[in-house]
């Protein structure tokens, strides 16, 4: 015939052993959490930003197309390029950043190309040293530059 079980006794047994297993598991979890917290050093607080002149930073790749007086100007950047028309350096290339500035003013074409530590400035195709005259030209261009880059042209379908 069939075996008879005391269902109340089984329920009581399961309730006790389930609570004991749960308590043991929680105890182990708390022990491991406390041990790992004690073993790892506290997080380093973030470095506050350094005070200085606010700088205008271009995103990964940007282009400005604009007119200033009789000039048609194009500025292209790749990577992280920072502009500061008030500083002597005028721009800063971060990492692999590049800067290309092209100005067409009537029959005069001025081009500045920078990559790494190389700065090439040309007037009508003739290389010139990037000295005070070149910096004065670039400062004028940067001050005339719109704050927002020109959006890329849509891809023809």
N, C-alpha and C. Protein backbone atom coordinates (compact mmCIF):
# COMPACT_ATOMS: atom_id res chain seq x y z
N UNK A 1 0.82 -1.16 0.00
CA UNK A 1 0.00 0.00 0.00
C UNK A 1 0.89 1.24 0.00
N UNK A 2 0.28 2.37 0.03
CA UNK A 2 1.05 3.61 -0.06
C UNK A 2 1.61 4.03 1.27
N UNK A 3 2.75 4.74 1.21
CA UNK A 3 3.37 5.26 2.42
C UNK A 3 2.69 6.57 2.78
N UNK A 4 2.51 6.77 4.05
CA UNK A 4 1.89 8.00 4.50
C UNK A 4 2.97 8.89 5.10
N UNK A 5 2.86 10.16 4.77
CA UNK A 5 3.84 11.13 5.26
C UNK A 5 3.13 12.18 6.08
N UNK A 6 3.84 12.66 7.06
CA UNK A 6 3.32 13.76 7.87
C UNK A 6 3.71 15.06 7.15
N UNK A 7 2.80 15.62 6.38
CA UNK A 7 3.10 16.80 5.58
C UNK A 7 3.46 18.00 6.45
N UNK A 8 2.89 18.10 7.62
CA UNK A 8 3.24 19.21 8.49
C UNK A 8 4.69 19.09 8.95
N UNK A 9 5.15 17.88 9.22
CA UNK A 9 6.53 17.67 9.64
C UNK A 9 7.49 18.00 8.50
N UNK A 10 7.14 17.62 7.28
CA UNK A 10 8.00 17.92 6.12
C UNK A 10 8.08 19.43 5.90
N UNK A 11 6.95 20.12 5.97
CA UNK A 11 6.94 21.57 5.81
C UNK A 11 7.80 22.24 6.87
N UNK A 12 7.69 21.78 8.10
CA UNK A 12 8.47 22.33 9.20
C UNK A 12 9.97 22.09 8.95
N UNK A 13 10.35 20.88 8.53
CA UNK A 13 11.75 20.53 8.25
C UNK A 13 12.31 21.42 7.13
N UNK A 14 11.54 21.59 6.03
CA UNK A 14 12.00 22.41 4.91
C UNK A 14 12.13 23.87 5.32
N UNK A 15 11.21 24.36 6.10
CA UNK A 15 11.26 25.75 6.54
C UNK A 15 12.51 26.02 7.36
N UNK A 16 12.85 25.12 8.27
CA UNK A 16 14.03 25.29 9.13
C UNK A 16 15.30 25.22 8.30
N UNK A 17 15.42 24.19 7.46
CA UNK A 17 16.65 24.01 6.69
C UNK A 17 16.81 25.06 5.59
N UNK A 18 15.72 25.54 5.02
CA UNK A 18 15.81 26.60 4.01
C UNK A 18 16.29 27.89 4.66
N UNK A 19 15.78 28.22 5.84
CA UNK A 19 16.21 29.41 6.56
C UNK A 19 17.68 29.31 6.94
N UNK A 20 18.13 28.13 7.39
CA UNK A 20 19.53 27.94 7.77
C UNK A 20 20.44 28.10 6.55
N UNK A 21 20.05 27.51 5.39
CA UNK A 21 20.86 27.65 4.17
C UNK A 21 20.94 29.10 3.73
N UNK A 22 19.83 29.79 3.79
CA UNK A 22 19.80 31.18 3.40
C UNK A 22 20.68 32.02 4.32
N UNK A 23 20.62 31.79 5.60
CA UNK A 23 21.43 32.54 6.56
C UNK A 23 22.92 32.27 6.34
N UNK A 24 23.29 31.01 6.06
CA UNK A 24 24.69 30.69 5.79
C UNK A 24 25.16 31.40 4.53
N UNK A 25 24.33 31.39 3.49
CA UNK A 25 24.70 32.05 2.23
C UNK A 25 24.88 33.55 2.42
N UNK A 26 23.97 34.17 3.17
CA UNK A 26 24.08 35.60 3.43
C UNK A 26 25.31 35.92 4.27
N UNK A 27 25.61 35.08 5.23
CA UNK A 27 26.80 35.29 6.07
C UNK A 27 28.06 35.25 5.21
N UNK A 28 28.14 34.27 4.30
CA UNK A 28 29.31 34.18 3.42
C UNK A 28 29.40 35.39 2.49
N UNK A 29 28.27 35.82 1.97
CA UNK A 29 28.25 36.97 1.09
C UNK A 29 28.75 38.22 1.81
N UNK A 30 28.26 38.44 3.01
CA UNK A 30 28.71 39.60 3.79
C UNK A 30 30.19 39.51 4.13
N UNK A 31 30.66 38.33 4.42
CA UNK A 31 32.07 38.13 4.74
C UNK A 31 32.93 38.47 3.53
N UNK A 32 32.57 37.99 2.33
CA UNK A 32 33.34 38.28 1.11
C UNK A 32 33.29 39.76 0.75
N UNK A 33 32.13 40.37 0.94
CA UNK A 33 31.99 41.79 0.63
C UNK A 33 32.87 42.63 1.55
N UNK A 34 32.87 42.31 2.82
CA UNK A 34 33.69 43.05 3.78
C UNK A 34 35.17 42.85 3.48
N UNK A 35 35.57 41.64 3.11
CA UNK A 35 36.97 41.36 2.82
C UNK A 35 37.43 42.11 1.58
N UNK A 36 36.59 42.14 0.54
CA UNK A 36 37.01 42.84 -0.68
C UNK A 36 37.05 44.34 -0.47
N UNK A 37 36.14 44.88 0.33
CA UNK A 37 36.14 46.31 0.62
C UNK A 37 37.39 46.70 1.41
N UNK A 38 37.80 45.86 2.32
CA UNK A 38 38.98 46.14 3.13
C UNK A 38 40.25 46.02 2.30
N UNK A 39 40.26 45.13 1.29
CA UNK A 39 41.45 44.90 0.49
C UNK A 39 41.68 45.98 -0.56
N UNK A 40 40.62 46.62 -1.08
CA UNK A 40 40.80 47.60 -2.14
C UNK A 40 40.94 49.00 -1.54
N UNK A 41 41.86 49.80 -2.12
CA UNK A 41 42.04 51.16 -1.60
C UNK A 41 40.84 52.03 -1.96
N UNK A 42 40.65 53.10 -1.21
CA UNK A 42 39.52 53.98 -1.51
C UNK A 42 39.73 54.64 -2.88
N UNK A 43 38.65 54.98 -3.58
CA UNK A 43 38.79 55.59 -4.90
C UNK A 43 39.48 56.94 -4.81
N UNK A 44 40.23 57.27 -5.85
CA UNK A 44 40.91 58.56 -5.92
C UNK A 44 39.91 59.62 -6.33
N UNK A 45 39.86 60.74 -5.63
CA UNK A 45 38.92 61.79 -6.02
C UNK A 45 39.31 62.36 -7.37
N UNK A 46 38.35 62.88 -8.15
CA UNK A 46 38.67 63.43 -9.46
C UNK A 46 39.54 64.67 -9.34
N UNK A 47 40.38 64.89 -10.34
CA UNK A 47 41.24 66.06 -10.36
C UNK A 47 40.42 67.27 -10.78
N UNK A 48 40.46 68.32 -9.99
CA UNK A 48 39.69 69.50 -10.37
C UNK A 48 40.28 70.14 -11.61
N UNK A 49 39.46 70.80 -12.44
CA UNK A 49 39.99 71.44 -13.64
C UNK A 49 40.92 72.57 -13.26
N UNK A 50 41.96 72.75 -14.06
CA UNK A 50 42.90 73.82 -13.77
C UNK A 50 42.32 75.13 -14.26
N UNK A 51 42.50 76.18 -13.47
CA UNK A 51 41.98 77.48 -13.90
C UNK A 51 42.80 77.99 -15.07
N UNK A 52 42.21 78.82 -15.85
CA UNK A 52 42.93 79.39 -16.98
C UNK A 52 41.96 80.03 -17.94
N UNK A 53 42.48 80.39 -19.09
CA UNK A 53 41.67 81.02 -20.12
C UNK A 53 40.74 79.98 -20.71
N UNK A 54 39.44 80.29 -20.82
CA UNK A 54 38.54 79.33 -21.46
C UNK A 54 39.01 79.09 -22.89
N UNK A 55 39.00 77.84 -23.27
CA UNK A 55 39.49 77.49 -24.60
C UNK A 55 38.34 76.88 -25.40
N UNK A 56 38.42 77.08 -26.68
CA UNK A 56 37.40 76.58 -27.59
C UNK A 56 37.95 75.32 -28.23
N UNK A 57 37.35 74.20 -27.96
CA UNK A 57 37.86 72.92 -28.43
C UNK A 57 36.97 72.37 -29.54
N UNK A 58 37.61 71.95 -30.62
CA UNK A 58 36.86 71.39 -31.74
C UNK A 58 36.65 69.89 -31.53
N UNK A 59 35.49 69.34 -31.94
CA UNK A 59 35.27 67.90 -31.82
C UNK A 59 36.16 67.11 -32.78
N UNK A 60 35.95 65.81 -32.89
CA UNK A 60 36.83 64.90 -33.61
C UNK A 60 37.16 65.35 -35.03
N UNK A 61 36.23 65.88 -35.76
CA UNK A 61 36.50 66.35 -37.11
C UNK A 61 35.53 67.49 -37.39
N UNK A 62 36.07 68.64 -37.77
CA UNK A 62 35.21 69.81 -37.97
C UNK A 62 35.64 70.58 -39.21
N UNK A 63 34.70 71.36 -39.71
CA UNK A 63 34.97 72.21 -40.87
C UNK A 63 34.19 73.50 -40.71
N UNK A 64 34.84 74.62 -40.98
CA UNK A 64 34.20 75.92 -41.00
C UNK A 64 34.40 76.49 -42.39
N UNK A 65 33.33 76.91 -43.03
CA UNK A 65 33.38 77.60 -44.32
C UNK A 65 32.69 78.94 -44.11
N UNK A 66 33.41 80.04 -44.33
CA UNK A 66 32.80 81.35 -44.09
C UNK A 66 33.52 82.42 -44.90
N UNK A 67 32.89 83.57 -44.99
CA UNK A 67 33.48 84.73 -45.66
C UNK A 67 33.80 85.78 -44.61
N UNK A 68 34.91 86.48 -44.84
CA UNK A 68 35.30 87.58 -43.96
C UNK A 68 35.85 88.66 -44.87
N UNK A 69 35.08 89.73 -45.03
CA UNK A 69 35.47 90.76 -45.99
C UNK A 69 35.48 90.16 -47.39
N UNK A 70 36.60 90.34 -48.11
CA UNK A 70 36.72 89.80 -49.47
C UNK A 70 37.26 88.37 -49.46
N UNK A 71 37.48 87.80 -48.30
CA UNK A 71 38.11 86.47 -48.20
C UNK A 71 37.09 85.36 -48.07
N UNK A 72 37.37 84.24 -48.71
CA UNK A 72 36.65 82.99 -48.50
C UNK A 72 37.58 82.09 -47.70
N UNK A 73 37.10 81.62 -46.56
CA UNK A 73 37.96 80.90 -45.62
C UNK A 73 37.40 79.52 -45.35
N UNK A 74 38.32 78.56 -45.26
CA UNK A 74 37.97 77.19 -44.88
C UNK A 74 38.94 76.76 -43.78
N UNK A 75 38.38 76.27 -42.68
CA UNK A 75 39.19 75.71 -41.60
C UNK A 75 38.74 74.26 -41.43
N UNK A 76 39.68 73.35 -41.43
CA UNK A 76 39.38 71.92 -41.21
C UNK A 76 40.26 71.40 -40.07
N UNK A 77 39.64 70.65 -39.19
CA UNK A 77 40.40 70.00 -38.11
C UNK A 77 40.07 68.52 -38.10
N UNK A 78 41.04 67.73 -37.68
CA UNK A 78 40.78 66.33 -37.37
C UNK A 78 41.39 66.07 -36.00
N UNK A 79 40.79 65.17 -35.26
CA UNK A 79 41.26 64.92 -33.90
C UNK A 79 40.89 66.07 -32.99
N UNK A 80 41.60 66.20 -31.90
CA UNK A 80 41.31 67.21 -30.90
C UNK A 80 42.21 68.42 -31.12
N UNK A 81 41.62 69.52 -31.55
CA UNK A 81 42.34 70.77 -31.79
C UNK A 81 41.70 71.84 -30.93
N UNK A 82 42.52 72.57 -30.19
CA UNK A 82 42.04 73.63 -29.31
C UNK A 82 42.50 74.97 -29.86
N UNK A 83 41.59 75.94 -29.94
CA UNK A 83 41.91 77.28 -30.42
C UNK A 83 41.91 78.26 -29.25
N UNK A 84 42.83 79.23 -29.29
CA UNK A 84 42.85 80.32 -28.32
C UNK A 84 43.49 81.52 -28.99
N UNK A 85 42.67 82.36 -29.62
CA UNK A 85 43.17 83.50 -30.38
C UNK A 85 43.90 84.51 -29.49
N UNK A 86 43.68 84.46 -28.19
CA UNK A 86 44.34 85.40 -27.27
C UNK A 86 45.74 84.95 -26.87
N UNK A 87 46.09 83.69 -27.13
CA UNK A 87 47.40 83.20 -26.71
C UNK A 87 48.42 83.36 -27.84
N UNK A 88 49.69 83.24 -27.50
CA UNK A 88 50.74 83.33 -28.51
C UNK A 88 50.72 82.11 -29.43
N UNK A 89 50.38 80.94 -28.88
CA UNK A 89 50.39 79.71 -29.68
C UNK A 89 49.20 79.66 -30.65
N UNK A 90 48.07 80.27 -30.31
CA UNK A 90 46.84 80.32 -31.12
C UNK A 90 46.06 79.02 -31.18
N UNK A 91 46.75 77.89 -31.26
CA UNK A 91 46.07 76.60 -31.35
C UNK A 91 46.96 75.54 -30.69
N UNK A 92 46.32 74.44 -30.34
CA UNK A 92 47.05 73.32 -29.75
C UNK A 92 46.50 72.04 -30.37
N UNK A 93 47.39 71.22 -30.90
CA UNK A 93 46.99 69.93 -31.46
C UNK A 93 47.21 68.88 -30.38
N UNK A 94 46.16 68.17 -30.03
CA UNK A 94 46.26 67.13 -29.01
C UNK A 94 46.33 65.78 -29.71
N UNK A 95 47.29 64.96 -29.32
CA UNK A 95 47.41 63.63 -29.93
C UNK A 95 47.69 63.73 -31.41
N UNK A 96 46.82 63.11 -32.22
CA UNK A 96 47.00 63.09 -33.67
C UNK A 96 46.21 64.20 -34.36
N UNK A 97 45.91 65.27 -33.66
CA UNK A 97 45.11 66.34 -34.25
C UNK A 97 45.83 67.02 -35.41
N UNK A 98 45.04 67.50 -36.37
CA UNK A 98 45.57 68.26 -37.50
C UNK A 98 44.73 69.50 -37.71
N UNK A 99 45.35 70.50 -38.32
CA UNK A 99 44.66 71.75 -38.61
C UNK A 99 45.05 72.19 -40.01
N UNK A 100 44.05 72.58 -40.79
CA UNK A 100 44.30 73.13 -42.13
C UNK A 100 43.43 74.37 -42.28
N UNK A 101 44.08 75.50 -42.63
CA UNK A 101 43.37 76.75 -42.85
C UNK A 101 43.70 77.22 -44.25
N UNK A 102 42.67 77.56 -45.01
CA UNK A 102 42.86 78.02 -46.39
C UNK A 102 42.08 79.31 -46.57
N UNK A 103 42.75 80.37 -47.06
CA UNK A 103 42.08 81.65 -47.31
C UNK A 103 42.32 82.05 -48.75
N UNK A 104 41.24 82.34 -49.47
CA UNK A 104 41.31 82.89 -50.83
C UNK A 104 40.83 84.33 -50.77
N UNK A 105 41.74 85.26 -51.06
CA UNK A 105 41.40 86.68 -51.04
C UNK A 105 41.84 87.26 -52.39
N UNK A 106 40.91 87.26 -53.33
CA UNK A 106 41.26 87.72 -54.68
C UNK A 106 42.28 86.78 -55.31
N UNK A 107 43.45 87.32 -55.66
CA UNK A 107 44.51 86.50 -56.27
C UNK A 107 45.46 85.92 -55.23
N UNK A 108 45.23 86.23 -53.95
CA UNK A 108 46.12 85.75 -52.89
C UNK A 108 45.51 84.53 -52.21
N UNK A 109 46.33 83.47 -52.10
CA UNK A 109 45.90 82.24 -51.42
C UNK A 109 46.89 81.99 -50.28
N UNK A 110 46.36 81.90 -49.07
CA UNK A 110 47.18 81.59 -47.89
C UNK A 110 46.73 80.25 -47.34
N UNK A 111 47.69 79.40 -47.02
CA UNK A 111 47.38 78.07 -46.51
C UNK A 111 48.27 77.75 -45.32
N UNK A 112 47.65 77.25 -44.26
CA UNK A 112 48.38 76.79 -43.08
C UNK A 112 48.02 75.32 -42.90
N UNK A 113 49.04 74.46 -42.80
CA UNK A 113 48.82 73.04 -42.56
C UNK A 113 49.68 72.64 -41.37
N UNK A 114 49.05 72.02 -40.35
CA UNK A 114 49.79 71.59 -39.17
C UNK A 114 49.48 70.13 -38.87
N UNK A 115 50.51 69.42 -38.48
CA UNK A 115 50.38 68.02 -38.04
C UNK A 115 51.56 67.76 -37.11
N UNK A 116 51.25 67.28 -35.91
CA UNK A 116 52.33 67.06 -34.93
C UNK A 116 53.01 68.37 -34.62
N UNK A 117 54.33 68.42 -34.78
CA UNK A 117 55.08 69.66 -34.52
C UNK A 117 55.40 70.40 -35.81
N UNK A 118 54.90 69.91 -36.95
CA UNK A 118 55.19 70.54 -38.24
C UNK A 118 54.12 71.57 -38.58
N UNK A 119 54.57 72.79 -38.85
CA UNK A 119 53.68 73.86 -39.26
C UNK A 119 54.17 74.35 -40.62
N UNK A 120 53.30 74.28 -41.63
CA UNK A 120 53.64 74.75 -42.96
C UNK A 120 52.70 75.89 -43.31
N UNK A 121 53.28 77.06 -43.61
CA UNK A 121 52.49 78.22 -44.00
C UNK A 121 52.95 78.66 -45.37
N UNK A 122 51.99 78.78 -46.29
CA UNK A 122 52.32 79.16 -47.66
C UNK A 122 51.46 80.35 -48.07
N UNK A 123 52.07 81.24 -48.85
CA UNK A 123 51.35 82.35 -49.46
C UNK A 123 51.57 82.21 -50.96
N UNK A 124 50.46 82.03 -51.70
CA UNK A 124 50.51 81.80 -53.15
C UNK A 124 51.47 80.67 -53.51
N UNK A 125 51.46 79.61 -52.71
CA UNK A 125 52.27 78.42 -53.00
C UNK A 125 53.70 78.49 -52.53
N UNK A 126 54.15 79.62 -52.03
CA UNK A 126 55.53 79.78 -51.56
C UNK A 126 55.57 79.61 -50.05
N UNK A 127 56.39 78.67 -49.57
CA UNK A 127 56.51 78.43 -48.13
C UNK A 127 57.15 79.64 -47.45
N UNK A 128 56.59 79.98 -46.31
CA UNK A 128 57.11 81.09 -45.51
C UNK A 128 57.25 80.62 -44.07
N UNK A 129 58.14 81.26 -43.30
CA UNK A 129 58.23 80.89 -41.88
C UNK A 129 56.95 81.35 -41.16
N UNK A 130 56.48 80.51 -40.26
CA UNK A 130 55.28 80.86 -39.49
C UNK A 130 55.73 81.75 -38.33
N UNK A 131 55.92 83.04 -38.64
CA UNK A 131 56.43 84.01 -37.67
C UNK A 131 55.31 84.94 -37.23
N UNK A 132 55.66 86.14 -36.77
CA UNK A 132 54.67 87.09 -36.28
C UNK A 132 53.64 87.44 -37.35
N UNK A 133 54.09 87.56 -38.60
CA UNK A 133 53.17 87.89 -39.69
C UNK A 133 52.16 86.77 -39.89
N UNK A 134 52.62 85.53 -39.90
CA UNK A 134 51.73 84.38 -40.04
C UNK A 134 50.77 84.26 -38.87
N UNK A 135 51.28 84.49 -37.66
CA UNK A 135 50.43 84.41 -36.47
C UNK A 135 49.37 85.51 -36.47
N UNK A 136 49.74 86.70 -36.94
CA UNK A 136 48.77 87.80 -37.02
C UNK A 136 47.66 87.43 -38.00
N UNK A 137 48.02 86.84 -39.13
CA UNK A 137 47.02 86.39 -40.11
C UNK A 137 46.09 85.34 -39.50
N UNK A 138 46.67 84.32 -38.84
CA UNK A 138 45.85 83.26 -38.25
C UNK A 138 44.96 83.80 -37.13
N UNK A 139 45.47 84.72 -36.32
CA UNK A 139 44.68 85.32 -35.23
C UNK A 139 43.45 86.01 -35.81
N UNK A 140 43.64 86.76 -36.92
CA UNK A 140 42.51 87.43 -37.58
C UNK A 140 41.48 86.40 -38.05
N UNK A 141 41.94 85.31 -38.62
CA UNK A 141 41.05 84.24 -39.11
C UNK A 141 40.29 83.61 -37.95
N UNK A 142 40.99 83.28 -36.86
CA UNK A 142 40.35 82.62 -35.72
C UNK A 142 39.32 83.53 -35.06
N UNK A 143 39.60 84.82 -35.00
CA UNK A 143 38.64 85.75 -34.41
C UNK A 143 37.38 85.89 -35.27
N UNK A 144 37.52 85.70 -36.59
CA UNK A 144 36.38 85.82 -37.51
C UNK A 144 35.60 84.51 -37.62
N UNK A 145 36.18 83.43 -37.14
CA UNK A 145 35.58 82.08 -37.29
C UNK A 145 34.26 82.00 -36.52
N UNK A 146 33.20 81.49 -37.18
CA UNK A 146 31.95 81.26 -36.45
C UNK A 146 32.17 80.23 -35.34
N UNK A 147 31.40 80.35 -34.26
CA UNK A 147 31.58 79.43 -33.15
C UNK A 147 31.15 78.01 -33.49
N UNK A 148 30.17 77.87 -34.38
CA UNK A 148 29.67 76.56 -34.74
C UNK A 148 30.23 76.12 -36.08
N UNK A 149 30.79 74.91 -36.16
CA UNK A 149 31.30 74.42 -37.45
C UNK A 149 30.17 74.30 -38.48
N UNK A 150 30.57 74.32 -39.75
CA UNK A 150 29.63 74.11 -40.84
C UNK A 150 29.22 72.65 -40.87
N UNK A 151 27.91 72.36 -40.86
CA UNK A 151 27.50 70.95 -40.89
C UNK A 151 27.95 70.30 -42.20
N UNK A 152 28.25 69.00 -42.16
CA UNK A 152 28.66 68.33 -43.40
C UNK A 152 27.52 68.31 -44.41
N UNK A 153 27.89 68.38 -45.68
CA UNK A 153 26.88 68.33 -46.74
C UNK A 153 26.28 66.94 -46.78
N UNK A 154 24.97 66.82 -47.03
CA UNK A 154 24.36 65.49 -47.09
C UNK A 154 24.95 64.69 -48.25
N UNK A 155 25.05 63.40 -48.04
CA UNK A 155 25.58 62.50 -49.05
C UNK A 155 24.54 62.34 -50.16
N UNK A 156 24.94 62.57 -51.45
CA UNK A 156 23.95 62.40 -52.52
C UNK A 156 23.51 60.95 -52.63
N UNK A 157 22.24 60.76 -52.96
CA UNK A 157 21.70 59.40 -53.05
C UNK A 157 21.64 58.95 -54.48
